[in-house]
Amino acid sequence: MRRNRERMIREQLEARGITDPRVLSAMRKIPRHLYVQEALRLQAYEDHPLPIGYGQTISQPYIVAYMSEQLETAPGMSVLEIGTGSGYQATVLAEMGLDVYSVERLRELHFATQKLLRELKYYHIRLKLDDGTMGWPEMGPFDRIIVTAGGPTIPEPLVHQLADPGMLLIPVGKNKRMQQLVRIRKQDGDVTLERLCGVQFVDLVGTHGW
């Protein structure tokens, strides 16, 4: 699997312009195949998302790397992830030296991922079972927020829980099958929006989602 991981780094990430050394180092280290069902492990390093059960997916490697790079982080920053899923994105951020908080709404997936992260000794990643569109107010504000599901609008609670300065990445779109990845920056009380690229994520379900 290490050879597959190196090929993933070389052909899917570096070849497409991912240059952040912390992103590349994290994804080179993490055994991505352990985050998917055993029957799918041979596909874990291929250039597409994979199902992880409960109607959810693990994003393709390039999207994980791209979003991690676009967060423009520095070690020691706090980051809130909405949509824990398999836990892969959370561990990439943790390996990048970030203080990670992650919220998942699906009970079975939350506990399965909690068990996996304990087995992999990621004890410092904080997990919560809740409506992710409400964020995690008691632990904020957060330097960075990353949402790994697509919603119709930007949840106001997440903007409120963003530090100043701070940055939020979220897929947004009225079409459930296609969204725009947008980057929200908060600086000196001002909030600005930048559209990055088209993406396709599972639905962001909750009070401020679908």
C-alpha atoms as a PDB file:
ATOM      1  CA  MET A   1       0.000   0.000   0.000  1.00  0.00           C
ATOM      2  CA  ARG A   2       2.935   2.352   0.574  1.00  0.00           C
ATOM      3  CA  ARG A   3       3.756   2.178  -3.151  1.00  0.00           C
ATOM      4  CA  ASN A   4       0.134   3.021  -3.994  1.00  0.00           C
ATOM      5  CA  ARG A   5       0.292   5.940  -1.587  1.00  0.00           C
ATOM      6  CA  GLU A   6       3.449   7.303  -3.221  1.00  0.00           C
ATOM      7  CA  ARG A   7       1.852   7.003  -6.660  1.00  0.00           C
ATOM      8  CA  MET A   8      -1.201   8.874  -5.345  1.00  0.00           C
ATOM      9  CA  ILE A   9       1.032  11.699  -4.103  1.00  0.00           C
ATOM     10  CA  ARG A  10       2.970  11.895  -7.341  1.00  0.00           C
ATOM     11  CA  GLU A  11       0.216  11.452  -9.941  1.00  0.00           C
ATOM     12  CA  GLN A  12      -2.880  12.896  -8.261  1.00  0.00           C
ATOM     13  CA  LEU A  13      -1.530  15.622  -5.994  1.00  0.00           C
ATOM     14  CA  GLU A  14       1.838  16.954  -7.109  1.00  0.00           C
ATOM     15  CA  ALA A  15       0.929  16.605 -10.801  1.00  0.00           C
ATOM     16  CA  ARG A  16      -2.161  18.784 -10.219  1.00  0.00           C
ATOM     17  CA  GLY A  17      -0.342  21.526  -8.381  1.00  0.00           C
ATOM     18  CA  ILE A  18      -0.578  20.589  -4.696  1.00  0.00           C
ATOM     19  CA  THR A  19       2.606  22.017  -3.184  1.00  0.00           C
ATOM     20  CA  ASP A  20       1.961  22.513   0.567  1.00  0.00           C
ATOM     21  CA  PRO A  21       4.612  20.285   2.189  1.00  0.00           C
ATOM     22  CA  ARG A  22       2.461  19.657   5.274  1.00  0.00           C
ATOM     23  CA  VAL A  23      -0.450  18.439   3.141  1.00  0.00           C
ATOM     24  CA  LEU A  24       1.803  16.149   1.113  1.00  0.00           C
ATOM     25  CA  SER A  25       3.576  14.830   4.210  1.00  0.00           C
ATOM     26  CA  ALA A  26       0.281  14.092   5.983  1.00  0.00           C
ATOM     27  CA  MET A  27      -1.239  12.248   3.041  1.00  0.00           C
ATOM     28  CA  ARG A  28       1.989  10.365   2.443  1.00  0.00           C
ATOM     29  CA  LYS A  29       1.916   9.108   6.037  1.00  0.00           C
ATOM     30  CA  ILE A  30      -1.770   8.241   6.616  1.00  0.00           C
ATOM     31  CA  PRO A  31      -2.905   4.697   5.641  1.00  0.00           C
ATOM     32  CA  ARG A  32      -5.980   5.799   3.657  1.00  0.00           C
ATOM     33  CA  HIS A  33      -6.983   2.180   2.953  1.00  0.00           C
ATOM     34  CA  LEU A  34      -7.866   1.708   6.637  1.00  0.00           C
ATOM     35  CA  TYR A  35     -10.609   4.340   6.320  1.00  0.00           C
ATOM     36  CA  VAL A  36     -12.680   2.322   3.839  1.00  0.00           C
ATOM     37  CA  GLN A  37     -14.381  -1.071   3.929  1.00  0.00           C
ATOM     38  CA  GLU A  38     -12.046  -4.033   3.487  1.00  0.00           C
ATOM     39  CA  ALA A  39     -13.580  -4.935   0.127  1.00  0.00           C
ATOM     40  CA  LEU A  40     -12.661  -1.481  -1.229  1.00  0.00           C
ATOM     41  CA  ARG A  41      -9.127  -1.173   0.137  1.00  0.00           C
ATOM     42  CA  LEU A  42      -7.433  -1.872  -3.177  1.00  0.00           C
ATOM     43  CA  GLN A  43      -9.249   1.196  -4.557  1.00  0.00           C
ATOM     44  CA  ALA A  44      -8.390   3.462  -1.637  1.00  0.00           C
ATOM     45  CA  TYR A  45      -5.622   5.366  -3.458  1.00  0.00           C
ATOM     46  CA  GLU A  46      -7.429   5.758  -6.775  1.00  0.00           C
ATOM     47  CA  ASP A  47      -8.669   9.064  -8.161  1.00  0.00           C
ATOM     48  CA  HIS A  48     -12.316   8.943  -7.076  1.00  0.00           C
ATOM     49  CA  PRO A  49     -14.459   8.985  -3.926  1.00  0.00           C
ATOM     50  CA  LEU A  50     -15.528   5.733  -2.262  1.00  0.00           C
ATOM     51  CA  PRO A  51     -18.622   4.786  -0.260  1.00  0.00           C
ATOM     52  CA  ILE A  52     -18.146   4.403   3.495  1.00  0.00           C
ATOM     53  CA  GLY A  53     -21.697   3.319   4.302  1.00  0.00           C
ATOM     54  CA  TYR A  54     -24.732   5.228   5.602  1.00  0.00           C
ATOM     55  CA  GLY A  55     -25.015   7.063   2.278  1.00  0.00           C
ATOM     56  CA  GLN A  56     -21.683   8.847   2.829  1.00  0.00           C
ATOM     57  CA  THR A  57     -18.353   8.861   0.988  1.00  0.00           C
ATOM     58  CA  ILE A  58     -14.664   9.465   1.521  1.00  0.00           C
ATOM     59  CA  SER A  59     -13.623  12.235  -0.872  1.00  0.00           C
ATOM     60  CA  GLN A  60     -11.133  11.575  -3.643  1.00  0.00           C
ATOM     61  CA  PRO A  61      -7.534  12.246  -2.549  1.00  0.00           C
ATOM     62  CA  TYR A  62      -7.127  15.367  -4.688  1.00  0.00           C
ATOM     63  CA  ILE A  63     -10.183  17.090  -3.157  1.00  0.00           C
ATOM     64  CA  VAL A  64      -8.924  16.339   0.370  1.00  0.00           C
ATOM     65  CA  ALA A  65      -5.516  17.764  -0.518  1.00  0.00           C
ATOM     66  CA  TYR A  66      -6.941  20.774  -2.350  1.00  0.00           C
ATOM     67  CA  MET A  67      -9.267  21.774   0.485  1.00  0.00           C
ATOM     68  CA  SER A  68      -6.528  21.233   3.070  1.00  0.00           C
ATOM     69  CA  GLU A  69      -4.185  23.482   1.085  1.00  0.00           C
ATOM     70  CA  GLN A  70      -6.816  26.169   0.433  1.00  0.00           C
ATOM     71  CA  LEU A  71      -7.398  26.541   4.191  1.00  0.00           C
ATOM     72  CA  GLU A  72      -3.989  28.298   4.380  1.00  0.00           C
ATOM     73  CA  THR A  73      -3.261  26.966   7.850  1.00  0.00           C
ATOM     74  CA  ALA A  74      -0.370  27.260  10.268  1.00  0.00           C
ATOM     75  CA  PRO A  75       0.493  24.690  12.952  1.00  0.00           C
ATOM     76  CA  GLY A  76      -1.378  25.265  16.199  1.00  0.00           C
ATOM     77  CA  MET A  77      -4.501  26.725  14.614  1.00  0.00           C
ATOM     78  CA  SER A  78      -7.899  25.415  15.708  1.00  0.00           C
ATOM     79  CA  VAL A  79     -10.060  23.929  12.940  1.00  0.00           C
ATOM     80  CA  LEU A  80     -13.688  22.813  13.018  1.00  0.00           C
ATOM     81  CA  GLU A  81     -14.672  20.117  10.525  1.00  0.00           C
ATOM     82  CA  ILE A  82     -18.346  19.636   9.689  1.00  0.00           C
ATOM     83  CA  GLY A  83     -18.955  16.058   8.522  1.00  0.00           C
ATOM     84  CA  THR A  84     -16.463  13.696  10.178  1.00  0.00           C
ATOM     85  CA  GLY A  85     -17.326  10.856   7.809  1.00  0.00           C
ATOM     86  CA  SER A  86     -14.545   8.285   7.733  1.00  0.00           C
ATOM     87  CA  GLY A  87     -12.230  10.548   9.759  1.00  0.00           C
ATOM     88  CA  TYR A  88      -9.665  10.802   6.951  1.00  0.00           C
ATOM     89  CA  GLN A  89      -9.880  14.579   6.456  1.00  0.00           C
ATOM     90  CA  ALA A  90      -9.689  15.088  10.226  1.00  0.00           C
ATOM     91  CA  THR A  91      -6.501  13.045  10.470  1.00  0.00           C
ATOM     92  CA  VAL A  92      -4.921  14.887   7.543  1.00  0.00           C
ATOM     93  CA  LEU A  93      -5.550  18.162   9.384  1.00  0.00           C
ATOM     94  CA  ALA A  94      -4.241  16.696  12.649  1.00  0.00           C
ATOM     95  CA  GLU A  95      -1.059  15.502  10.927  1.00  0.00           C
ATOM     96  CA  MET A  96      -0.647  19.056   9.611  1.00  0.00           C
ATOM     97  CA  GLY A  97      -0.329  20.206  13.227  1.00  0.00           C
ATOM     98  CA  LEU A  98      -3.844  21.584  13.697  1.00  0.00           C
ATOM     99  CA  ASP A  99      -6.107  21.354  16.738  1.00  0.00           C
ATOM    100  CA  VAL A 100      -9.059  19.458  15.220  1.00  0.00           C
ATOM    101  CA  TYR A 101     -12.722  19.443  16.275  1.00  0.00           C
ATOM    102  CA  SER A 102     -15.118  17.410  14.127  1.00  0.00           C
ATOM    103  CA  VAL A 103     -18.907  17.044  14.132  1.00  0.00           C
ATOM    104  CA  GLU A 104     -20.880  14.149  12.593  1.00  0.00           C
ATOM    105  CA  ARG A 105     -24.681  13.819  12.595  1.00  0.00           C
ATOM    106  CA  LEU A 106     -24.937  10.062  11.848  1.00  0.00           C
ATOM    107  CA  ARG A 107     -24.729   8.032  15.042  1.00  0.00           C
ATOM    108  CA  GLU A 108     -23.421   4.762  13.569  1.00  0.00           C
ATOM    109  CA  LEU A 109     -20.763   6.542  11.522  1.00  0.00           C
ATOM    110  CA  HIS A 110     -19.712   8.713  14.458  1.00  0.00           C
ATOM    111  CA  PHE A 111     -19.063   5.733  16.722  1.00  0.00           C
ATOM    112  CA  ALA A 112     -17.396   3.653  13.989  1.00  0.00           C
ATOM    113  CA  THR A 113     -15.014   6.514  13.209  1.00  0.00           C
ATOM    114  CA  GLN A 114     -14.397   7.194  16.884  1.00  0.00           C
ATOM    115  CA  LYS A 115     -13.310   3.561  17.275  1.00  0.00           C
ATOM    116  CA  LEU A 116     -11.037   3.739  14.221  1.00  0.00           C
ATOM    117  CA  LEU A 117      -9.322   6.950  15.343  1.00  0.00           C
ATOM    118  CA  ARG A 118      -8.674   5.462  18.757  1.00  0.00           C
ATOM    119  CA  GLU A 119      -7.143   2.380  17.143  1.00  0.00           C
ATOM    120  CA  LEU A 120      -4.908   4.658  15.059  1.00  0.00           C
ATOM    121  CA  LYS A 121      -4.023   6.620  18.224  1.00  0.00           C
ATOM    122  CA  TYR A 122      -5.510   9.953  17.146  1.00  0.00           C
ATOM    123  CA  TYR A 123      -6.680  10.597  20.685  1.00  0.00           C
ATOM    124  CA  HIS A 124      -6.329  14.366  20.361  1.00  0.00           C
ATOM    125  CA  ILE A 125      -8.976  14.747  17.615  1.00  0.00           C
ATOM    126  CA  ARG A 126     -12.181  15.829  19.374  1.00  0.00           C
ATOM    127  CA  LEU A 127     -15.387  14.324  17.976  1.00  0.00           C
ATOM    128  CA  LYS A 128     -19.007  15.287  18.548  1.00  0.00           C
ATOM    129  CA  LEU A 129     -22.311  13.671  17.512  1.00  0.00           C
ATOM    130  CA  ASP A 130     -24.620  16.552  16.577  1.00  0.00           C
ATOM    131  CA  ASP A 131     -26.131  18.717  13.843  1.00  0.00           C
ATOM    132  CA  GLY A 132     -23.020  20.049  12.121  1.00  0.00           C
ATOM    133  CA  THR A 133     -24.808  23.077  10.682  1.00  0.00           C
ATOM    134  CA  MET A 134     -24.993  24.401  14.238  1.00  0.00           C
ATOM    135  CA  GLY A 135     -21.212  24.113  14.632  1.00  0.00           C
ATOM    136  CA  TRP A 136     -19.631  23.614  18.052  1.00  0.00           C
ATOM    137  CA  PRO A 137     -20.182  26.992  19.751  1.00  0.00           C
ATOM    138  CA  GLU A 138     -18.782  26.131  23.163  1.00  0.00           C
ATOM    139  CA  MET A 139     -15.372  25.311  21.627  1.00  0.00           C
ATOM    140  CA  GLY A 140     -15.143  28.302  19.282  1.00  0.00           C
ATOM    141  CA  PRO A 141     -14.142  30.616  17.872  1.00  0.00           C
ATOM    142  CA  PHE A 142     -12.168  28.621  15.305  1.00  0.00           C
ATOM    143  CA  ASP A 143      -9.301  29.863  13.152  1.00  0.00           C
ATOM    144  CA  ARG A 144     -10.528  27.672  10.311  1.00  0.00           C
ATOM    145  CA  ILE A 145     -13.774  25.834   9.485  1.00  0.00           C
ATOM    146  CA  ILE A 146     -14.054  23.184   6.760  1.00  0.00           C
ATOM    147  CA  VAL A 147     -17.376  21.706   5.642  1.00  0.00           C
ATOM    148  CA  THR A 148     -17.248  18.390   3.789  1.00  0.00           C
ATOM    149  CA  ALA A 149     -20.872  18.278   2.624  1.00  0.00           C
ATOM    150  CA  GLY A 150     -22.813  20.533   0.278  1.00  0.00           C
ATOM    151  CA  GLY A 151     -25.631  22.770   1.441  1.00  0.00           C
ATOM    152  CA  PRO A 152     -27.979  25.286  -0.182  1.00  0.00           C
ATOM    153  CA  THR A 153     -26.574  28.234   1.795  1.00  0.00           C
ATOM    154  CA  ILE A 154     -23.755  29.113   4.188  1.00  0.00           C
ATOM    155  CA  PRO A 155     -24.892  28.275   7.763  1.00  0.00           C
ATOM    156  CA  GLU A 156     -24.918  31.462   9.835  1.00  0.00           C
ATOM    157  CA  PRO A 157     -23.781  29.695  13.046  1.00  0.00           C
ATOM    158  CA  LEU A 158     -20.538  28.712  11.309  1.00  0.00           C
ATOM    159  CA  VAL A 159     -19.821  32.283  10.232  1.00  0.00           C
ATOM    160  CA  HIS A 160     -20.468  33.442  13.806  1.00  0.00           C
ATOM    161  CA  GLN A 161     -18.076  30.805  15.197  1.00  0.00           C
ATOM    162  CA  LEU A 162     -15.275  31.852  12.850  1.00  0.00           C
ATOM    163  CA  ALA A 163     -12.424  33.753  14.492  1.00  0.00           C
ATOM    164  CA  ASP A 164     -11.373  37.173  13.209  1.00  0.00           C
ATOM    165  CA  PRO A 165      -9.201  36.769  11.230  1.00  0.00           C
ATOM    166  CA  GLY A 166     -10.505  33.410  10.066  1.00  0.00           C
ATOM    167  CA  MET A 167     -11.458  31.336   7.051  1.00  0.00           C
ATOM    168  CA  LEU A 168     -14.328  28.988   6.163  1.00  0.00           C
ATOM    169  CA  LEU A 169     -14.411  26.527   3.226  1.00  0.00           C
ATOM    170  CA  ILE A 170     -17.798  25.120   2.213  1.00  0.00           C
ATOM    171  CA  PRO A 171     -19.455  23.612  -0.883  1.00  0.00           C
ATOM    172  CA  VAL A 172     -22.646  25.584  -1.646  1.00  0.00           C
ATOM    173  CA  GLY A 173     -25.295  25.144  -4.329  1.00  0.00           C
ATOM    174  CA  LYS A 174     -29.018  24.960  -4.960  1.00  0.00           C
ATOM    175  CA  ASN A 175     -28.418  21.796  -7.012  1.00  0.00           C
ATOM    176  CA  LYS A 176     -27.786  18.851  -4.673  1.00  0.00           C
ATOM    177  CA  ARG A 177     -25.611  17.118  -7.260  1.00  0.00           C
ATOM    178  CA  MET A 178     -23.223  20.013  -7.913  1.00  0.00           C
ATOM    179  CA  GLN A 179     -21.873  22.821  -5.772  1.00  0.00           C
ATOM    180  CA  GLN A 180     -19.327  25.607  -5.828  1.00  0.00           C
ATOM    181  CA  LEU A 181     -16.545  25.423  -3.271  1.00  0.00           C
ATOM    182  CA  VAL A 182     -16.456  28.866  -1.669  1.00  0.00           C
ATOM    183  CA  ARG A 183     -13.965  30.426   0.714  1.00  0.00           C
ATOM    184  CA  ILE A 184     -15.237  32.866   3.318  1.00  0.00           C
ATOM    185  CA  ARG A 185     -12.727  35.217   4.924  1.00  0.00           C
ATOM    186  CA  LYS A 186     -13.438  37.200   8.076  1.00  0.00           C
ATOM    187  CA  GLN A 187     -11.071  40.117   8.621  1.00  0.00           C
ATOM    188  CA  ASP A 188     -11.569  43.166  10.858  1.00  0.00           C
ATOM    189  CA  GLY A 189     -15.295  42.473  11.046  1.00  0.00           C
ATOM    190  CA  ASP A 190     -15.729  42.224   7.276  1.00  0.00           C
ATOM    191  CA  VAL A 191     -16.812  38.964   5.623  1.00  0.00           C
ATOM    192  CA  THR A 192     -15.862  38.324   1.988  1.00  0.00           C
ATOM    193  CA  LEU A 193     -16.648  35.401  -0.328  1.00  0.00           C
ATOM    194  CA  GLU A 194     -14.477  33.847  -3.040  1.00  0.00           C
ATOM    195  CA  ARG A 195     -15.594  31.087  -5.424  1.00  0.00           C
ATOM    196  CA  LEU A 196     -12.895  28.457  -5.982  1.00  0.00           C
ATOM    197  CA  CYS A 197     -14.165  25.582  -8.154  1.00  0.00           C
ATOM    198  CA  GLY A 198     -17.028  23.217  -8.905  1.00  0.00           C
ATOM    199  CA  VAL A 199     -17.330  20.198  -6.612  1.00  0.00           C
ATOM    200  CA  GLN A 200     -19.757  17.402  -5.833  1.00  0.00           C
ATOM    201  CA  PHE A 201     -20.367  16.438  -2.197  1.00  0.00           C
ATOM    202  CA  VAL A 202     -23.005  14.526  -0.268  1.00  0.00           C
ATOM    203  CA  ASP A 203     -25.818  16.601   1.247  1.00  0.00           C
ATOM    204  CA  LEU A 204     -25.248  18.864   4.237  1.00  0.00           C
ATOM    205  CA  VAL A 205     -28.266  17.888   6.351  1.00  0.00           C
ATOM    206  CA  GLY A 206     -29.385  19.900   9.371  1.00  0.00           C
ATOM    207  CA  THR A 207     -31.131  22.988  10.654  1.00  0.00           C
ATOM    208  CA  HIS A 208     -29.141  25.237   8.320  1.00  0.00           C
ATOM    209  CA  GLY A 209     -28.713  22.681   5.506  1.00  0.00           C
ATOM    210  CA  TRP A 210     -31.004  20.472   3.445  1.00  0.00           C
END
